Amino acid sequence: MKLELKTAPPIIGVLIALLVNIIVPNHKKLKYADLPHYRYFLYIALTVTVVLFIIALFNEKVRERYSYRGFFIGGVFAFLTLVDVATSKSMVLPQLYFPSIARIFNVFFEDSALLLECIQSSFLLLIKGIFIGFILGMICGIAVGWSKNANYWIYPFIRILGPIPSSTWTPLALVVFPSAQGAAVFLIAFGVWFQITILTCSGIQSVKKAYFEVSSTLGANDLQNLFKIAVPAAAPSIFLGFFNATCSSFVALMAAEMIGCKSGLGWYVNWQKTMLSYPNVYAGLIVVAIFCYILVTIQFKVRDRLLSWQEGVVKW
């Protein structure tokens, strides 16, 4: 199929979603049927997809990238159409637990200030936990992977404590730390520490000994072997550990913010759930998903830039 044709599915998907939303009448028992935000979103999406389609006709680079995602983007809008039909148009799903898309989109406007405050709070907690866990994980991973003595004394504790889920430490964390914020940072850092430690250790131990023999012959000492050969060679494993740690840290973040924090995305979702406000719950989950996607994407960009010298050697 030509690349130009592969850029058309997003427009088709948006058009179908828009026509279904306009032409098919809402169910007579639907509450808040006059909320227009979802339809506005579809108008904007249609404009963007048409503009990208026109640009792709004349720009080869845009055409290649956009055509690759074309069917996926069209599929996303097809899914939104099915959800719209199953909720607001036919109410096949219970309205209490499966609100219309328009109600979910409306939350982003009504609760925008509170959501931004929760994003800021969660971001600060996440950065603190990831930073502390990353530093401790690198120290432990390098020590265990490089030193036989450290491996002998520390690795057994890592194998015992590491697999324990972060959330199981919640009662102890609330006792040890004076505030819920401190306990939340600990829970996030604990999960990050284990992932970074294990993959840093395995990355260093998998470096070929011939590299150290050659460098030692050229006069390198132990520290040079460690920081100029072992750690750079283990960088792909370290980034893999950081990726796994980022994903697990979101799980720990959601659990941590539900134990006593008065702000954050996890607190917001839990609070709205207790209020049976499921449009807000879904809106909070969407924000969490976008938040996680952005952080992981940034991480991949940094990895590709820092490890560009290993492209073709390491399989991404």
C-alpha atoms as a PDB file:
ATOM      1  CA  MET A   1       0.000   0.000   0.000  1.00  0.00           C
ATOM      2  CA  LYS A   2       1.306   3.475  -0.861  1.00  0.00           C
ATOM      3  CA  LEU A   3       2.441   5.654   2.010  1.00  0.00           C
ATOM      4  CA  GLU A   4       0.006   8.396   0.947  1.00  0.00           C
ATOM      5  CA  LEU A   5      -2.937   6.032   1.465  1.00  0.00           C
ATOM      6  CA  LYS A   6      -1.650   4.997   4.898  1.00  0.00           C
ATOM      7  CA  THR A   7      -2.006   8.605   6.059  1.00  0.00           C
ATOM      8  CA  ALA A   8      -5.773   8.524   5.396  1.00  0.00           C
ATOM      9  CA  PRO A   9      -6.995   6.176   8.224  1.00  0.00           C
ATOM     10  CA  PRO A  10      -6.732   8.891  10.919  1.00  0.00           C
ATOM     11  CA  ILE A  11      -9.055  11.173   8.930  1.00  0.00           C
ATOM     12  CA  ILE A  12     -11.481   8.308   8.286  1.00  0.00           C
ATOM     13  CA  GLY A  13     -11.459   7.325  11.954  1.00  0.00           C
ATOM     14  CA  VAL A  14     -12.137  10.885  13.140  1.00  0.00           C
ATOM     15  CA  LEU A  15     -14.884  11.387  10.567  1.00  0.00           C
ATOM     16  CA  ILE A  16     -16.660   8.201  11.621  1.00  0.00           C
ATOM     17  CA  ALA A  17     -16.416   9.167  15.296  1.00  0.00           C
ATOM     18  CA  LEU A  18     -17.715  12.671  14.557  1.00  0.00           C
ATOM     19  CA  LEU A  19     -20.597  11.519  12.356  1.00  0.00           C
ATOM     20  CA  VAL A  20     -21.697   8.899  14.891  1.00  0.00           C
ATOM     21  CA  ASN A  21     -21.575  11.495  17.656  1.00  0.00           C
ATOM     22  CA  ILE A  22     -23.652  13.996  15.653  1.00  0.00           C
ATOM     23  CA  ILE A  23     -26.115  11.788  13.765  1.00  0.00           C
ATOM     24  CA  VAL A  24     -26.849   8.952  16.202  1.00  0.00           C
ATOM     25  CA  PRO A  25     -29.139  10.303  18.961  1.00  0.00           C
ATOM     26  CA  ASN A  26     -28.215   9.918  22.610  1.00  0.00           C
ATOM     27  CA  HIS A  27     -30.149   7.532  24.798  1.00  0.00           C
ATOM     28  CA  LYS A  28     -33.189   9.190  26.318  1.00  0.00           C
ATOM     29  CA  LYS A  29     -32.040   8.341  29.857  1.00  0.00           C
ATOM     30  CA  LEU A  30     -28.535   9.737  29.374  1.00  0.00           C
ATOM     31  CA  LYS A  31     -27.559  12.339  31.965  1.00  0.00           C
ATOM     32  CA  TYR A  32     -25.523  15.424  31.019  1.00  0.00           C
ATOM     33  CA  ALA A  33     -26.281  14.883  27.330  1.00  0.00           C
ATOM     34  CA  ASP A  34     -25.516  18.516  26.449  1.00  0.00           C
ATOM     35  CA  LEU A  35     -21.784  18.440  27.269  1.00  0.00           C
ATOM     36  CA  PRO A  36     -19.959  19.496  24.074  1.00  0.00           C
ATOM     37  CA  HIS A  37     -16.291  18.936  24.969  1.00  0.00           C
ATOM     38  CA  TYR A  38     -15.905  15.550  23.262  1.00  0.00           C
ATOM     39  CA  ARG A  39     -17.352  16.935  20.036  1.00  0.00           C
ATOM     40  CA  TYR A  40     -14.994  19.912  20.216  1.00  0.00           C
ATOM     41  CA  PHE A  41     -12.138  17.464  20.616  1.00  0.00           C
ATOM     42  CA  LEU A  42     -13.227  15.608  17.478  1.00  0.00           C
ATOM     43  CA  TYR A  43     -13.400  18.881  15.502  1.00  0.00           C
ATOM     44  CA  ILE A  44      -9.852  19.716  16.591  1.00  0.00           C
ATOM     45  CA  ALA A  45      -8.681  16.174  15.803  1.00  0.00           C
ATOM     46  CA  LEU A  46     -10.215  16.370  12.336  1.00  0.00           C
ATOM     47  CA  THR A  47      -8.436  19.651  11.657  1.00  0.00           C
ATOM     48  CA  VAL A  48      -5.089  18.262  12.841  1.00  0.00           C
ATOM     49  CA  THR A  49      -5.384  15.031  10.840  1.00  0.00           C
ATOM     50  CA  VAL A  50      -6.302  16.925   7.648  1.00  0.00           C
ATOM     51  CA  VAL A  51      -3.351  19.297   8.096  1.00  0.00           C
ATOM     52  CA  LEU A  52      -0.972  16.385   8.708  1.00  0.00           C
ATOM     53  CA  PHE A  53      -2.373  14.592   5.654  1.00  0.00           C
ATOM     54  CA  ILE A  54      -1.667  17.625   3.469  1.00  0.00           C
ATOM     55  CA  ILE A  55       1.836  18.071   4.910  1.00  0.00           C
ATOM     56  CA  ALA A  56       2.563  14.365   4.396  1.00  0.00           C
ATOM     57  CA  LEU A  57       1.767  14.696   0.695  1.00  0.00           C
ATOM     58  CA  PHE A  58       4.703  17.070   0.222  1.00  0.00           C
ATOM     59  CA  ASN A  59       7.117  16.086   3.013  1.00  0.00           C
ATOM     60  CA  GLU A  60       8.650  12.627   2.714  1.00  0.00           C
ATOM     61  CA  LYS A  61       9.945  12.504   6.294  1.00  0.00           C
ATOM     62  CA  VAL A  62       6.537  13.401   7.774  1.00  0.00           C
ATOM     63  CA  ARG A  63       4.850  10.997   5.358  1.00  0.00           C
ATOM     64  CA  GLU A  64       6.993   8.045   6.479  1.00  0.00           C
ATOM     65  CA  ARG A  65       6.499   8.679  10.201  1.00  0.00           C
ATOM     66  CA  TYR A  66       2.808   9.542   9.954  1.00  0.00           C
ATOM     67  CA  SER A  67       1.957   6.623   7.666  1.00  0.00           C
ATOM     68  CA  TYR A  68       3.570   4.216  10.100  1.00  0.00           C
ATOM     69  CA  ARG A  69       1.157   5.359  12.845  1.00  0.00           C
ATOM     70  CA  GLY A  70      -1.810   5.876  10.533  1.00  0.00           C
ATOM     71  CA  PHE A  71      -3.710   2.658  11.187  1.00  0.00           C
ATOM     72  CA  PHE A  72      -3.067   2.880  14.927  1.00  0.00           C
ATOM     73  CA  ILE A  73      -4.430   6.438  15.156  1.00  0.00           C
ATOM     74  CA  GLY A  74      -7.453   5.434  13.089  1.00  0.00           C
ATOM     75  CA  GLY A  75      -7.973   2.449  15.380  1.00  0.00           C
ATOM     76  CA  VAL A  76      -7.929   4.715  18.443  1.00  0.00           C
ATOM     77  CA  PHE A  77     -10.797   6.795  17.059  1.00  0.00           C
ATOM     78  CA  ALA A  78     -12.648   3.609  16.057  1.00  0.00           C
ATOM     79  CA  PHE A  79     -12.348   2.498  19.675  1.00  0.00           C
ATOM     80  CA  LEU A  80     -13.671   5.869  20.875  1.00  0.00           C
ATOM     81  CA  THR A  81     -16.618   5.421  18.513  1.00  0.00           C
ATOM     82  CA  LEU A  82     -17.428   2.023  19.996  1.00  0.00           C
ATOM     83  CA  VAL A  83     -17.229   3.451  23.510  1.00  0.00           C
ATOM     84  CA  ASP A  84     -19.474   6.353  22.512  1.00  0.00           C
ATOM     85  CA  VAL A  85     -22.060   3.941  21.086  1.00  0.00           C
ATOM     86  CA  ALA A  86     -21.901   1.611  24.096  1.00  0.00           C
ATOM     87  CA  THR A  87     -22.302   4.438  26.618  1.00  0.00           C
ATOM     88  CA  SER A  88     -24.109   7.583  25.485  1.00  0.00           C
ATOM     89  CA  LYS A  89     -25.905   6.211  22.414  1.00  0.00           C
ATOM     90  CA  SER A  90     -27.222   2.849  23.631  1.00  0.00           C
ATOM     91  CA  MET A  91     -26.283   2.693  27.342  1.00  0.00           C
ATOM     92  CA  VAL A  92     -25.432  -0.988  27.020  1.00  0.00           C
ATOM     93  CA  LEU A  93     -22.990  -0.419  29.893  1.00  0.00           C
ATOM     94  CA  PRO A  94     -24.183   0.865  33.303  1.00  0.00           C
ATOM     95  CA  GLN A  95     -24.092   4.654  33.288  1.00  0.00           C
ATOM     96  CA  LEU A  96     -22.805   4.875  36.869  1.00  0.00           C
ATOM     97  CA  TYR A  97     -19.637   2.884  36.225  1.00  0.00           C
ATOM     98  CA  PHE A  98     -19.188   3.626  32.508  1.00  0.00           C
ATOM     99  CA  PRO A  99     -19.977   7.315  31.922  1.00  0.00           C
ATOM    100  CA  SER A 100     -20.067   8.880  28.478  1.00  0.00           C
ATOM    101  CA  ILE A 101     -16.872  10.170  26.897  1.00  0.00           C
ATOM    102  CA  ALA A 102     -18.308  13.677  26.993  1.00  0.00           C
ATOM    103  CA  ARG A 103     -18.539  13.531  30.804  1.00  0.00           C
ATOM    104  CA  ILE A 104     -14.936  12.331  31.049  1.00  0.00           C
ATOM    105  CA  PHE A 105     -13.721  15.126  28.765  1.00  0.00           C
ATOM    106  CA  ASN A 106     -15.713  17.611  30.821  1.00  0.00           C
ATOM    107  CA  VAL A 107     -13.652  16.700  33.917  1.00  0.00           C
ATOM    108  CA  PHE A 108     -10.494  18.052  32.269  1.00  0.00           C
ATOM    109  CA  PHE A 109     -12.151  21.483  32.149  1.00  0.00           C
ATOM    110  CA  GLU A 110     -14.013  21.471  35.464  1.00  0.00           C
ATOM    111  CA  ASP A 111     -11.153  20.005  37.542  1.00  0.00           C
ATOM    112  CA  SER A 112      -8.234  21.422  35.549  1.00  0.00           C
ATOM    113  CA  ALA A 113      -6.789  23.391  38.480  1.00  0.00           C
ATOM    114  CA  LEU A 114      -6.992  20.434  40.882  1.00  0.00           C
ATOM    115  CA  LEU A 115      -5.580  18.024  38.294  1.00  0.00           C
ATOM    116  CA  LEU A 116      -2.615  20.315  37.639  1.00  0.00           C
ATOM    117  CA  GLU A 117      -1.974  20.545  41.370  1.00  0.00           C
ATOM    118  CA  CYS A 118      -2.112  16.742  41.641  1.00  0.00           C
ATOM    119  CA  ILE A 119       0.248  16.336  38.691  1.00  0.00           C
ATOM    120  CA  GLN A 120       2.741  18.680  40.324  1.00  0.00           C
ATOM    121  CA  SER A 121       2.519  16.839  43.653  1.00  0.00           C
ATOM    122  CA  SER A 122       2.899  13.410  42.036  1.00  0.00           C
ATOM    123  CA  PHE A 123       5.789  14.614  39.875  1.00  0.00           C
ATOM    124  CA  LEU A 124       7.726  15.894  42.891  1.00  0.00           C
ATOM    125  CA  LEU A 125       7.132  12.659  44.809  1.00  0.00           C
ATOM    126  CA  LEU A 126       8.123  10.571  41.797  1.00  0.00           C
ATOM    127  CA  ILE A 127      11.300  12.519  41.100  1.00  0.00           C
ATOM    128  CA  LYS A 128      12.405  12.313  44.728  1.00  0.00           C
ATOM    129  CA  GLY A 129      11.726   8.575  44.924  1.00  0.00           C
ATOM    130  CA  ILE A 130      13.337   7.780  41.556  1.00  0.00           C
ATOM    131  CA  PHE A 131      16.413   9.917  42.325  1.00  0.00           C
ATOM    132  CA  ILE A 132      17.027   8.340  45.731  1.00  0.00           C
ATOM    133  CA  GLY A 133      16.306   4.825  44.448  1.00  0.00           C
ATOM    134  CA  PHE A 134      18.527   5.331  41.396  1.00  0.00           C
ATOM    135  CA  ILE A 135      21.505   6.567  43.424  1.00  0.00           C
ATOM    136  CA  LEU A 136      21.225   3.748  45.975  1.00  0.00           C
ATOM    137  CA  GLY A 137      20.620   1.203  43.217  1.00  0.00           C
ATOM    138  CA  MET A 138      23.684   2.307  41.275  1.00  0.00           C
ATOM    139  CA  ILE A 139      25.852   2.153  44.378  1.00  0.00           C
ATOM    140  CA  CYS A 140      24.591  -1.311  45.336  1.00  0.00           C
ATOM    141  CA  GLY A 141      24.633  -2.598  41.755  1.00  0.00           C
ATOM    142  CA  ILE A 142      28.190  -1.456  41.090  1.00  0.00           C
ATOM    143  CA  ALA A 143      29.403  -2.774  44.446  1.00  0.00           C
ATOM    144  CA  VAL A 144      27.753  -6.180  44.067  1.00  0.00           C
ATOM    145  CA  GLY A 145      28.684  -6.544  40.417  1.00  0.00           C
ATOM    146  CA  TRP A 146      32.318  -5.503  40.865  1.00  0.00           C
ATOM    147  CA  SER A 147      33.379  -6.591  44.343  1.00  0.00           C
ATOM    148  CA  LYS A 148      33.325 -10.237  45.406  1.00  0.00           C
ATOM    149  CA  ASN A 149      33.158  -9.241  49.084  1.00  0.00           C
ATOM    150  CA  ALA A 150      30.168  -6.953  48.501  1.00  0.00           C
ATOM    151  CA  ASN A 151      28.532  -9.669  46.445  1.00  0.00           C
ATOM    152  CA  TYR A 152      29.027 -12.159  49.267  1.00  0.00           C
ATOM    153  CA  TRP A 153      27.559  -9.935  52.005  1.00  0.00           C
ATOM    154  CA  ILE A 154      24.991  -7.755  50.211  1.00  0.00           C
ATOM    155  CA  TYR A 155      23.554  -9.902  47.413  1.00  0.00           C
ATOM    156  CA  PRO A 156      21.716 -12.340  49.760  1.00  0.00           C
ATOM    157  CA  PHE A 157      19.841  -9.393  51.324  1.00  0.00           C
ATOM    158  CA  ILE A 158      18.949  -8.091  47.856  1.00  0.00           C
ATOM    159  CA  ARG A 159      17.531 -11.473  46.881  1.00  0.00           C
ATOM    160  CA  ILE A 160      15.465 -11.604  50.079  1.00  0.00           C
ATOM    161  CA  LEU A 161      14.210  -8.006  50.284  1.00  0.00           C
ATOM    162  CA  GLY A 162      14.072  -7.013  46.617  1.00  0.00           C
ATOM    163  CA  PRO A 163      11.178  -9.214  45.385  1.00  0.00           C
ATOM    164  CA  ILE A 164       8.909  -8.005  48.198  1.00  0.00           C
ATOM    165  CA  PRO A 165       6.379  -5.556  46.661  1.00  0.00           C
ATOM    166  CA  SER A 166       6.796  -1.961  47.796  1.00  0.00           C
ATOM    167  CA  SER A 167       3.207  -1.734  49.005  1.00  0.00           C
ATOM    168  CA  THR A 168       3.789  -4.430  51.645  1.00  0.00           C
ATOM    169  CA  TRP A 169       6.168  -2.040  53.423  1.00  0.00           C
ATOM    170  CA  THR A 170       3.391   0.517  53.900  1.00  0.00           C
ATOM    171  CA  PRO A 171       2.661  -0.198  57.626  1.00  0.00           C
ATOM    172  CA  LEU A 172       6.361  -0.021  58.515  1.00  0.00           C
ATOM    173  CA  ALA A 173       6.920   3.097  56.404  1.00  0.00           C
ATOM    174  CA  LEU A 174       4.074   4.930  58.147  1.00  0.00           C
ATOM    175  CA  VAL A 175       5.626   4.125  61.529  1.00  0.00           C
ATOM    176  CA  VAL A 176       9.230   4.945  60.629  1.00  0.00           C
ATOM    177  CA  PHE A 177       8.659   8.150  58.670  1.00  0.00           C
ATOM    178  CA  PRO A 178       7.015  11.159  60.335  1.00  0.00           C
ATOM    179  CA  SER A 179       4.858  12.073  57.342  1.00  0.00           C
ATOM    180  CA  ALA A 180       2.935  10.311  54.605  1.00  0.00           C
ATOM    181  CA  GLN A 181       5.058  12.145  52.040  1.00  0.00           C
ATOM    182  CA  GLY A 182       8.240  10.605  53.455  1.00  0.00           C
ATOM    183  CA  ALA A 183       6.644   7.164  53.496  1.00  0.00           C
ATOM    184  CA  ALA A 184       5.565   7.591  49.874  1.00  0.00           C
ATOM    185  CA  VAL A 185       9.084   8.558  48.789  1.00  0.00           C
ATOM    186  CA  PHE A 186      10.456   5.488  50.572  1.00  0.00           C
ATOM    187  CA  LEU A 187       8.004   3.134  48.842  1.00  0.00           C
ATOM    188  CA  ILE A 188       8.867   4.541  45.414  1.00  0.00           C
ATOM    189  CA  ALA A 189      12.617   4.512  46.098  1.00  0.00           C
ATOM    190  CA  PHE A 190      12.498   0.923  47.337  1.00  0.00           C
ATOM    191  CA  GLY A 191      11.010  -0.376  44.082  1.00  0.00           C
ATOM    192  CA  VAL A 192      13.434   1.650  41.957  1.00  0.00           C
ATOM    193  CA  TRP A 193      16.427   0.520  44.045  1.00  0.00           C
ATOM    194  CA  PHE A 194      15.808  -3.163  43.408  1.00  0.00           C
ATOM    195  CA  GLN A 195      15.393  -2.838  39.631  1.00  0.00           C
ATOM    196  CA  ILE A 196      18.490  -0.660  39.223  1.00  0.00           C
ATOM    197  CA  THR A 197      20.601  -2.842  41.535  1.00  0.00           C
ATOM    198  CA  ILE A 198      19.800  -6.132  39.821  1.00  0.00           C
ATOM    199  CA  LEU A 199      20.287  -4.971  36.238  1.00  0.00           C
ATOM    200  CA  THR A 200      23.366  -2.860  37.007  1.00  0.00           C
ATOM    201  CA  CYS A 201      24.923  -5.836  38.751  1.00  0.00           C
ATOM    202  CA  SER A 202      24.098  -8.248  35.910  1.00  0.00           C
ATOM    203  CA  GLY A 203      25.321  -5.746  33.309  1.00  0.00           C
ATOM    204  CA  ILE A 204      28.707  -5.350  34.983  1.00  0.00           C
ATOM    205  CA  GLN A 205      29.131  -9.080  35.524  1.00  0.00           C
ATOM    206  CA  SER A 206      28.357  -9.790  31.851  1.00  0.00           C
ATOM    207  CA  VAL A 207      31.202  -7.601  30.540  1.00  0.00           C
ATOM    208  CA  LYS A 208      33.838  -9.719  28.811  1.00  0.00           C
ATOM    209  CA  LYS A 209      36.951 -10.197  30.934  1.00  0.00           C
ATOM    210  CA  ALA A 210      39.104  -9.737  27.840  1.00  0.00           C
ATOM    211  CA  TYR A 211      38.275  -6.016  27.949  1.00  0.00           C
ATOM    212  CA  PHE A 212      39.744  -5.710  31.450  1.00  0.00           C
ATOM    213  CA  GLU A 213      42.806  -7.724  30.505  1.00  0.00           C
ATOM    214  CA  VAL A 214      43.545  -5.451  27.550  1.00  0.00           C
ATOM    215  CA  SER A 215      43.002  -2.271  29.568  1.00  0.00           C
ATOM    216  CA  SER A 216      45.148  -3.560  32.451  1.00  0.00           C
ATOM    217  CA  THR A 217      47.898  -4.343  29.986  1.00  0.00           C
ATOM    218  CA  LEU A 218      47.716  -0.742  28.820  1.00  0.00           C
ATOM    219  CA  GLY A 219      48.128   0.445  32.413  1.00  0.00           C
ATOM    220  CA  ALA A 220      44.563   0.989  33.632  1.00  0.00           C
ATOM    221  CA  ASN A 221      43.894   0.600  37.354  1.00  0.00           C
ATOM    222  CA  ASP A 222      40.801  -0.892  38.995  1.00  0.00           C
ATOM    223  CA  LEU A 223      38.854   2.383  39.145  1.00  0.00           C
ATOM    224  CA  GLN A 224      39.526   3.071  35.481  1.00  0.00           C
ATOM    225  CA  ASN A 225      38.433  -0.449  34.575  1.00  0.00           C
ATOM    226  CA  LEU A 226      35.258   0.081  36.567  1.00  0.00           C
ATOM    227  CA  PHE A 227      34.175   3.532  35.398  1.00  0.00           C
ATOM    228  CA  LYS A 228      35.600   3.556  31.867  1.00  0.00           C
ATOM    229  CA  ILE A 229      34.855  -0.026  30.830  1.00  0.00           C
ATOM    230  CA  ALA A 230      32.456  -1.861  33.159  1.00  0.00           C
ATOM    231  CA  VAL A 231      29.860   0.880  33.742  1.00  0.00           C
ATOM    232  CA  PRO A 232      29.714   2.106  30.089  1.00  0.00           C
ATOM    233  CA  ALA A 233      29.457  -1.489  28.846  1.00  0.00           C
ATOM    234  CA  ALA A 234      26.653  -2.120  31.340  1.00  0.00           C
ATOM    235  CA  ALA A 235      24.784   1.065  30.302  1.00  0.00           C
ATOM    236  CA  PRO A 236      22.117  -0.769  28.219  1.00  0.00           C
ATOM    237  CA  SER A 237      21.287  -2.958  31.224  1.00  0.00           C
ATOM    238  CA  ILE A 238      21.215   0.103  33.482  1.00  0.00           C
ATOM    239  CA  PHE A 239      18.758   1.867  31.155  1.00  0.00           C
ATOM    240  CA  LEU A 240      16.636  -1.264  31.009  1.00  0.00           C
ATOM    241  CA  GLY A 241      16.576  -1.283  34.806  1.00  0.00           C
ATOM    242  CA  PHE A 242      15.674   2.408  34.807  1.00  0.00           C
ATOM    243  CA  PHE A 243      12.805   1.750  32.385  1.00  0.00           C
ATOM    244  CA  ASN A 244      11.469  -1.095  34.556  1.00  0.00           C
ATOM    245  CA  ALA A 245      11.953   1.058  37.636  1.00  0.00           C
ATOM    246  CA  THR A 246      10.008   3.948  36.081  1.00  0.00           C
ATOM    247  CA  CYS A 247       7.046   1.677  35.329  1.00  0.00           C
ATOM    248  CA  SER A 248       7.083   0.062  38.780  1.00  0.00           C
ATOM    249  CA  SER A 249       7.483   3.468  40.428  1.00  0.00           C
ATOM    250  CA  PHE A 250       4.084   4.522  39.059  1.00  0.00           C
ATOM    251  CA  VAL A 251       2.502   1.496  40.712  1.00  0.00           C
ATOM    252  CA  ALA A 252       4.240   2.402  43.977  1.00  0.00           C
ATOM    253  CA  LEU A 253       3.233   6.053  43.538  1.00  0.00           C
ATOM    254  CA  MET A 254      -0.455   5.219  43.179  1.00  0.00           C
ATOM    255  CA  ALA A 255      -0.331   2.936  46.225  1.00  0.00           C
ATOM    256  CA  ALA A 256       1.702   5.420  48.254  1.00  0.00           C
ATOM    257  CA  GLU A 257      -0.602   8.370  47.591  1.00  0.00           C
ATOM    258  CA  MET A 258      -3.599   6.357  48.732  1.00  0.00           C
ATOM    259  CA  ILE A 259      -2.209   5.731  52.230  1.00  0.00           C
ATOM    260  CA  GLY A 260      -2.449   9.220  53.650  1.00  0.00           C
ATOM    261  CA  CYS A 261      -1.326  11.849  51.154  1.00  0.00           C
ATOM    262  CA  LYS A 262      -3.718  14.741  50.630  1.00  0.00           C
ATOM    263  CA  SER A 263      -2.729  15.440  47.040  1.00  0.00           C
ATOM    264  CA  GLY A 264      -1.456  13.644  43.961  1.00  0.00           C
ATOM    265  CA  LEU A 265      -2.974  11.615  41.155  1.00  0.00           C
ATOM    266  CA  GLY A 266      -3.283   8.449  43.247  1.00  0.00           C
ATOM    267  CA  TRP A 267      -5.059  10.401  45.977  1.00  0.00           C
ATOM    268  CA  TYR A 268      -7.335  12.012  43.367  1.00  0.00           C
ATOM    269  CA  VAL A 269      -8.359   8.682  41.806  1.00  0.00           C
ATOM    270  CA  ASN A 270      -8.960   7.090  45.202  1.00  0.00           C
ATOM    271  CA  TRP A 271     -10.954  10.071  46.485  1.00  0.00           C
ATOM    272  CA  GLN A 272     -13.164  10.191  43.389  1.00  0.00           C
ATOM    273  CA  LYS A 273     -13.723   6.436  43.619  1.00  0.00           C
ATOM    274  CA  THR A 274     -15.021   6.760  47.175  1.00  0.00           C
ATOM    275  CA  MET A 275     -17.352   9.509  45.943  1.00  0.00           C
ATOM    276  CA  LEU A 276     -18.575   7.204  43.118  1.00  0.00           C
ATOM    277  CA  SER A 277     -17.540   9.914  40.648  1.00  0.00           C
ATOM    278  CA  TYR A 278     -16.339   7.573  37.928  1.00  0.00           C
ATOM    279  CA  PRO A 279     -15.929  10.237  35.198  1.00  0.00           C
ATOM    280  CA  ASN A 280     -13.266  11.798  37.415  1.00  0.00           C
ATOM    281  CA  VAL A 281     -11.725   8.378  38.077  1.00  0.00           C
ATOM    282  CA  TYR A 282     -11.322   7.690  34.355  1.00  0.00           C
ATOM    283  CA  ALA A 283     -10.018  11.207  33.754  1.00  0.00           C
ATOM    284  CA  GLY A 284      -7.412  10.685  36.498  1.00  0.00           C
ATOM    285  CA  LEU A 285      -6.360   7.351  34.996  1.00  0.00           C
ATOM    286  CA  ILE A 286      -5.980   8.979  31.572  1.00  0.00           C
ATOM    287  CA  VAL A 287      -3.743  11.664  33.094  1.00  0.00           C
ATOM    288  CA  VAL A 288      -1.651   8.970  34.818  1.00  0.00           C
ATOM    289  CA  ALA A 289      -1.259   7.097  31.517  1.00  0.00           C
ATOM    290  CA  ILE A 290      -0.203  10.251  29.646  1.00  0.00           C
ATOM    291  CA  PHE A 291       2.134  11.212  32.497  1.00  0.00           C
ATOM    292  CA  CYS A 292       3.820   7.799  32.409  1.00  0.00           C
ATOM    293  CA  TYR A 293       4.021   7.798  28.610  1.00  0.00           C
ATOM    294  CA  ILE A 294       5.767  11.184  28.543  1.00  0.00           C
ATOM    295  CA  LEU A 295       8.355  10.162  31.145  1.00  0.00           C
ATOM    296  CA  VAL A 296       9.119   6.869  29.404  1.00  0.00           C
ATOM    297  CA  THR A 297       9.372   8.613  26.016  1.00  0.00           C
ATOM    298  CA  ILE A 298      11.815  11.162  27.423  1.00  0.00           C
ATOM    299  CA  GLN A 299      13.820   8.323  28.915  1.00  0.00           C
ATOM    300  CA  PHE A 300      14.040   6.542  25.550  1.00  0.00           C
ATOM    301  CA  LYS A 301      15.158   9.765  23.858  1.00  0.00           C
ATOM    302  CA  VAL A 302      17.912  10.243  26.447  1.00  0.00           C
ATOM    303  CA  ARG A 303      18.964   6.595  26.089  1.00  0.00           C
ATOM    304  CA  ASP A 304      19.175   6.842  22.304  1.00  0.00           C
ATOM    305  CA  ARG A 305      21.248   9.998  22.569  1.00  0.00           C
ATOM    306  CA  LEU A 306      23.659   8.768  25.251  1.00  0.00           C
ATOM    307  CA  LEU A 307      24.060   5.276  23.785  1.00  0.00           C
ATOM    308  CA  SER A 308      24.198   6.257  20.126  1.00  0.00           C
ATOM    309  CA  TRP A 309      27.741   4.870  20.039  1.00  0.00           C
ATOM    310  CA  GLN A 310      26.313   1.385  20.692  1.00  0.00           C
ATOM    311  CA  GLU A 311      23.741   1.498  17.894  1.00  0.00           C
ATOM    312  CA  GLY A 312      24.073  -1.635  15.789  1.00  0.00           C
ATOM    313  CA  VAL A 313      25.855  -3.439  18.607  1.00  0.00           C
ATOM    314  CA  VAL A 314      23.046  -3.479  21.162  1.00  0.00           C
ATOM    315  CA  LYS A 315      19.569  -4.553  20.059  1.00  0.00           C
ATOM    316  CA  TRP A 316      17.045  -1.930  21.155  1.00  0.00           C
END
